[in-house]
C-alpha atoms as a PDB file:
ATOM      1  CA  MET A   1      -0.231   0.077   0.040  1.00  0.00           C
ATOM      2  CA  ASP A   2       1.428   3.516  -0.925  1.00  0.00           C
ATOM      3  CA  ASN A   3       0.566   5.947   1.775  1.00  0.00           C
ATOM      4  CA  GLU A   4       2.602   8.974  -0.497  1.00  0.00           C
ATOM      5  CA  ASP A   5      -0.648  10.670  -0.969  1.00  0.00           C
ATOM      6  CA  THR A   6      -1.566  10.512   2.953  1.00  0.00           C
ATOM      7  CA  GLU A   7       1.495  10.856   4.448  1.00  0.00           C
ATOM      8  CA  PRO A   8       3.770  14.115   5.079  1.00  0.00           C
ATOM      9  CA  VAL A   9       7.446  13.500   4.432  1.00  0.00           C
ATOM     10  CA  ASN A  10       8.478  13.432   7.723  1.00  0.00           C
ATOM     11  CA  SER A  11       5.701  11.326   8.953  1.00  0.00           C
ATOM     12  CA  PRO A  12       6.322   8.651  11.945  1.00  0.00           C
ATOM     13  CA  VAL A  13       4.191   5.797   9.950  1.00  0.00           C
ATOM     14  CA  PRO A  14       6.436   3.694   8.106  1.00  0.00           C
ATOM     15  CA  GLU A  15       5.808   3.103   4.398  1.00  0.00           C
ATOM     16  CA  ASN A  16       3.684   0.215   3.906  1.00  0.00           C
ATOM     17  CA  SER A  17       1.729   0.715   6.949  1.00  0.00           C
ATOM     18  CA  PRO A  18      -1.828  -0.662   6.690  1.00  0.00           C
ATOM     19  CA  LYS A  19      -4.631   1.741   6.700  1.00  0.00           C
ATOM     20  CA  LEU A  20      -7.436   1.241   9.310  1.00  0.00           C
ATOM     21  CA  GLU A  21     -10.847   0.604   7.338  1.00  0.00           C
ATOM     22  CA  ASP A  22     -13.100  -0.341   9.474  1.00  0.00           C
ATOM     23  CA  ASP A  23     -15.028   2.576  10.889  1.00  0.00           C
ATOM     24  CA  SER A  24     -16.838   0.723  13.439  1.00  0.00           C
ATOM     25  CA  GLU A  25     -13.169  -0.231  15.190  1.00  0.00           C
ATOM     26  CA  LYS A  26     -12.585   1.489  18.589  1.00  0.00           C
ATOM     27  CA  LEU A  27      -8.974   2.809  19.003  1.00  0.00           C
ATOM     28  CA  LEU A  28      -8.040   3.253  22.185  1.00  0.00           C
ATOM     29  CA  ARG A  29      -6.172   6.613  24.454  1.00  0.00           C
ATOM     30  CA  HIS A  30      -4.490   6.564  27.560  1.00  0.00           C
ATOM     31  CA  ILE A  31      -5.947   9.642  29.366  1.00  0.00           C
ATOM     32  CA  LYS A  32      -3.621  11.762  31.532  1.00  0.00           C
ATOM     33  CA  PRO A  33      -4.891  12.477  35.286  1.00  0.00           C
ATOM     34  CA  ALA A  34      -4.118  15.989  34.855  1.00  0.00           C
ATOM     35  CA  TRP A  35      -6.413  16.094  31.717  1.00  0.00           C
ATOM     36  CA  PHE A  36      -9.649  14.187  33.445  1.00  0.00           C
ATOM     37  CA  HIS A  37     -11.919  15.737  35.299  1.00  0.00           C
ATOM     38  CA  ASN A  38     -15.092  14.478  36.821  1.00  0.00           C
ATOM     39  CA  GLY A  39     -14.930  11.728  34.668  1.00  0.00           C
ATOM     40  CA  VAL A  40     -14.449  13.661  31.560  1.00  0.00           C
ATOM     41  CA  PRO A  41     -11.327  14.180  29.304  1.00  0.00           C
ATOM     42  CA  SER A  42     -10.172  17.206  27.676  1.00  0.00           C
ATOM     43  CA  SER A  43      -9.402  17.713  24.278  1.00  0.00           C
ATOM     44  CA  GLN A  44      -5.653  17.945  25.139  1.00  0.00           C
ATOM     45  CA  ASN A  45      -5.670  14.270  25.340  1.00  0.00           C
ATOM     46  CA  PHE A  46      -6.624  13.975  21.794  1.00  0.00           C
ATOM     47  CA  GLU A  47      -4.207  16.283  20.538  1.00  0.00           C
ATOM     48  CA  PRO A  48      -0.679  15.318  19.355  1.00  0.00           C
ATOM     49  CA  MET A  49       2.194  17.072  20.946  1.00  0.00           C
ATOM     50  CA  PRO A  50       4.613  19.022  18.761  1.00  0.00           C
ATOM     51  CA  LYS A  51       7.159  16.049  19.277  1.00  0.00           C
ATOM     52  CA  ASP A  52       4.538  13.524  17.801  1.00  0.00           C
ATOM     53  CA  ARG A  53       4.915  15.138  14.082  1.00  0.00           C
ATOM     54  CA  SER A  54       1.174  15.632  13.845  1.00  0.00           C
ATOM     55  CA  HIS A  55       0.441  12.007  15.050  1.00  0.00           C
ATOM     56  CA  LEU A  56      -1.879  10.803  17.963  1.00  0.00           C
ATOM     57  CA  SER A  57      -0.824   7.152  19.237  1.00  0.00           C
ATOM     58  CA  VAL A  58      -3.731   4.785  19.888  1.00  0.00           C
ATOM     59  CA  GLU A  59      -4.336   1.161  20.579  1.00  0.00           C
ATOM     60  CA  ARG A  60      -6.485  -0.951  18.252  1.00  0.00           C
ATOM     61  CA  GLY A  61      -9.670  -1.801  20.605  1.00  0.00           C
ATOM     62  CA  SER A  62     -10.027  -4.954  17.997  1.00  0.00           C
ATOM     63  CA  GLN A  63      -6.888  -6.554  19.703  1.00  0.00           C
ATOM     64  CA  ILE A  64      -6.441  -5.667  23.149  1.00  0.00           C
ATOM     65  CA  ASP A  65      -9.130  -4.589  25.414  1.00  0.00           C
ATOM     66  CA  ALA A  66      -9.234  -1.498  27.785  1.00  0.00           C
ATOM     67  CA  LYS A  67      -8.190  -2.951  30.898  1.00  0.00           C
ATOM     68  CA  THR A  68      -5.686  -5.178  29.831  1.00  0.00           C
ATOM     69  CA  ALA A  69      -4.338  -1.830  27.467  1.00  0.00           C
ATOM     70  CA  HIS A  70      -4.406   0.314  30.766  1.00  0.00           C
ATOM     71  CA  THR A  71      -2.642  -2.479  32.830  1.00  0.00           C
ATOM     72  CA  ARG A  72       0.282  -2.815  30.554  1.00  0.00           C
ATOM     73  CA  TRP A  73       0.508   1.228  29.908  1.00  0.00           C
ATOM     74  CA  ILE A  74       0.885   1.590  33.856  1.00  0.00           C
ATOM     75  CA  SER A  75       3.478  -1.341  33.962  1.00  0.00           C
ATOM     76  CA  TRP A  76       5.766   0.768  31.814  1.00  0.00           C
ATOM     77  CA  GLY A  77       5.433   3.405  34.467  1.00  0.00           C
ATOM     78  CA  ARG A  78       3.358   5.739  32.631  1.00  0.00           C
ATOM     79  CA  GLU A  79       0.115   7.400  34.058  1.00  0.00           C
ATOM     80  CA  SER A  80      -3.244   6.719  33.416  1.00  0.00           C
ATOM     81  CA  ALA A  81      -6.543   8.116  34.618  1.00  0.00           C
ATOM     82  CA  ALA A  82      -9.002   6.248  31.820  1.00  0.00           C
ATOM     83  CA  VAL A  83      -9.044   4.685  28.877  1.00  0.00           C
ATOM     84  CA  CYS A  84     -11.090   6.399  26.055  1.00  0.00           C
ATOM     85  CA  SER A  85     -12.153   5.148  22.658  1.00  0.00           C
ATOM     86  CA  VAL A  86     -12.865   6.891  19.477  1.00  0.00           C
ATOM     87  CA  THR A  87     -13.964   5.154  16.207  1.00  0.00           C
ATOM     88  CA  VAL A  88     -12.022   4.738  13.155  1.00  0.00           C
ATOM     89  CA  GLY A  89     -15.076   6.213  11.211  1.00  0.00           C
ATOM     90  CA  ALA A  90     -15.181   9.316  13.707  1.00  0.00           C
ATOM     91  CA  TYR A  91     -11.649  10.246  12.543  1.00  0.00           C
ATOM     92  CA  GLN A  92     -12.097   9.582   9.049  1.00  0.00           C
ATOM     93  CA  GLU A  93     -15.007  11.907   8.918  1.00  0.00           C
ATOM     94  CA  ASN A  94     -12.913  14.581  10.128  1.00  0.00           C
ATOM     95  CA  SER A  95     -10.264  13.623   7.306  1.00  0.00           C
ATOM     96  CA  ALA A  96      -7.778  11.973   9.859  1.00  0.00           C
ATOM     97  CA  PRO A  97      -6.585   8.711   8.522  1.00  0.00           C
ATOM     98  CA  CYS A  98      -5.502   5.939  10.815  1.00  0.00           C
ATOM     99  CA  PHE A  99      -2.638   3.371  10.692  1.00  0.00           C
ATOM    100  CA  HIS A 100      -1.625  -0.040  12.190  1.00  0.00           C
ATOM    101  CA  VAL A 101       1.975   0.915  13.441  1.00  0.00           C
ATOM    102  CA  PRO A 102       3.081  -2.069  15.633  1.00  0.00           C
ATOM    103  CA  VAL A 103       5.827  -0.745  18.100  1.00  0.00           C
ATOM    104  CA  ASP A 104       8.657  -3.361  18.794  1.00  0.00           C
ATOM    105  CA  ASP A 105      10.787  -1.307  21.351  1.00  0.00           C
ATOM    106  CA  PRO A 106      12.044  -4.215  23.771  1.00  0.00           C
ATOM    107  CA  GLY A 107      10.380  -4.014  27.066  1.00  0.00           C
ATOM    108  CA  GLU A 108       7.546  -1.582  25.473  1.00  0.00           C
ATOM    109  CA  GLU A 109       6.233  -4.283  22.853  1.00  0.00           C
ATOM    110  CA  ASN A 110       2.858  -2.718  21.789  1.00  0.00           C
ATOM    111  CA  PRO A 111       1.369  -4.810  18.727  1.00  0.00           C
ATOM    112  CA  GLU A 112      -1.860  -3.341  18.750  1.00  0.00           C
ATOM    113  CA  HIS A 113       0.029   0.186  18.298  1.00  0.00           C
ATOM    114  CA  ALA A 114      -1.405   2.567  15.790  1.00  0.00           C
ATOM    115  CA  LEU A 115      -1.169   6.220  14.773  1.00  0.00           C
ATOM    116  CA  VAL A 116      -4.025   9.052  14.001  1.00  0.00           C
ATOM    117  CA  GLN A 117      -2.657  11.351  11.256  1.00  0.00           C
ATOM    118  CA  TYR A 118      -3.663  15.054  12.368  1.00  0.00           C
ATOM    119  CA  PRO A 119      -3.281  18.161  10.366  1.00  0.00           C
ATOM    120  CA  ASP A 120       0.310  19.912  10.648  1.00  0.00           C
ATOM    121  CA  VAL A 121      -1.090  23.264  11.509  1.00  0.00           C
ATOM    122  CA  ARG A 122      -1.137  23.204  15.152  1.00  0.00           C
ATOM    123  CA  SER A 123      -4.514  25.346  15.408  1.00  0.00           C
ATOM    124  CA  GLN A 124      -6.303  22.824  13.092  1.00  0.00           C
ATOM    125  CA  ALA A 125      -5.154  19.858  15.037  1.00  0.00           C
ATOM    126  CA  SER A 126      -6.701  21.608  18.101  1.00  0.00           C
ATOM    127  CA  LYS A 127      -9.890  22.106  16.640  1.00  0.00           C
ATOM    128  CA  LEU A 128     -10.151  18.324  15.606  1.00  0.00           C
ATOM    129  CA  ALA A 129      -9.144  17.482  19.130  1.00  0.00           C
ATOM    130  CA  LYS A 130     -11.980  19.222  20.368  1.00  0.00           C
ATOM    131  CA  LYS A 131     -14.405  17.589  18.045  1.00  0.00           C
ATOM    132  CA  ILE A 132     -12.685  13.953  18.550  1.00  0.00           C
ATOM    133  CA  LYS A 133     -13.431  14.577  21.964  1.00  0.00           C
ATOM    134  CA  LYS A 134     -17.070  15.020  21.820  1.00  0.00           C
ATOM    135  CA  LYS A 135     -16.974  11.666  20.229  1.00  0.00           C
ATOM    136  CA  ALA A 136     -14.897   9.935  22.971  1.00  0.00           C
ATOM    137  CA  LYS A 137     -16.619   7.405  24.971  1.00  0.00           C
ATOM    138  CA  VAL A 138     -14.557   6.142  28.388  1.00  0.00           C
ATOM    139  CA  GLU A 139     -14.079   2.912  28.119  1.00  0.00           C
ATOM    140  CA  PHE A 140     -12.470   2.012  31.763  1.00  0.00           C
ATOM    141  CA  ILE A 141     -11.818   3.527  34.783  1.00  0.00           C
ATOM    142  CA  PRO A 142      -9.126   1.985  37.216  1.00  0.00           C
END
């Protein structure tokens, strides 16, 4: 598969990474404690940081459940107040393609890892994050 038309030159998505096509597939996102108030995640959780090169890391809900993903995440020493899901379709209807990009870093293997491509322009990425937050569903709270 050629991602040339959808991926910027500096993309963290390797060539030939499969694009996710099942609109109903849930993509899981770990929610930072500082950005989770009264059971509601802030839109900051759904916006890539500058270091992420306009891509948001998620995990494929078709391959791992939210509780298992959370347990593994905190075993790596990371924080998570909750795990939320957004469907591939919600991203796609906002022109944000999703790609399966497994991580094989020793000690932090994540075969379910995927990336969502956000706009390169920061203000547009923020607007998308606000739209996506409205579609997010809390799947697991420890």
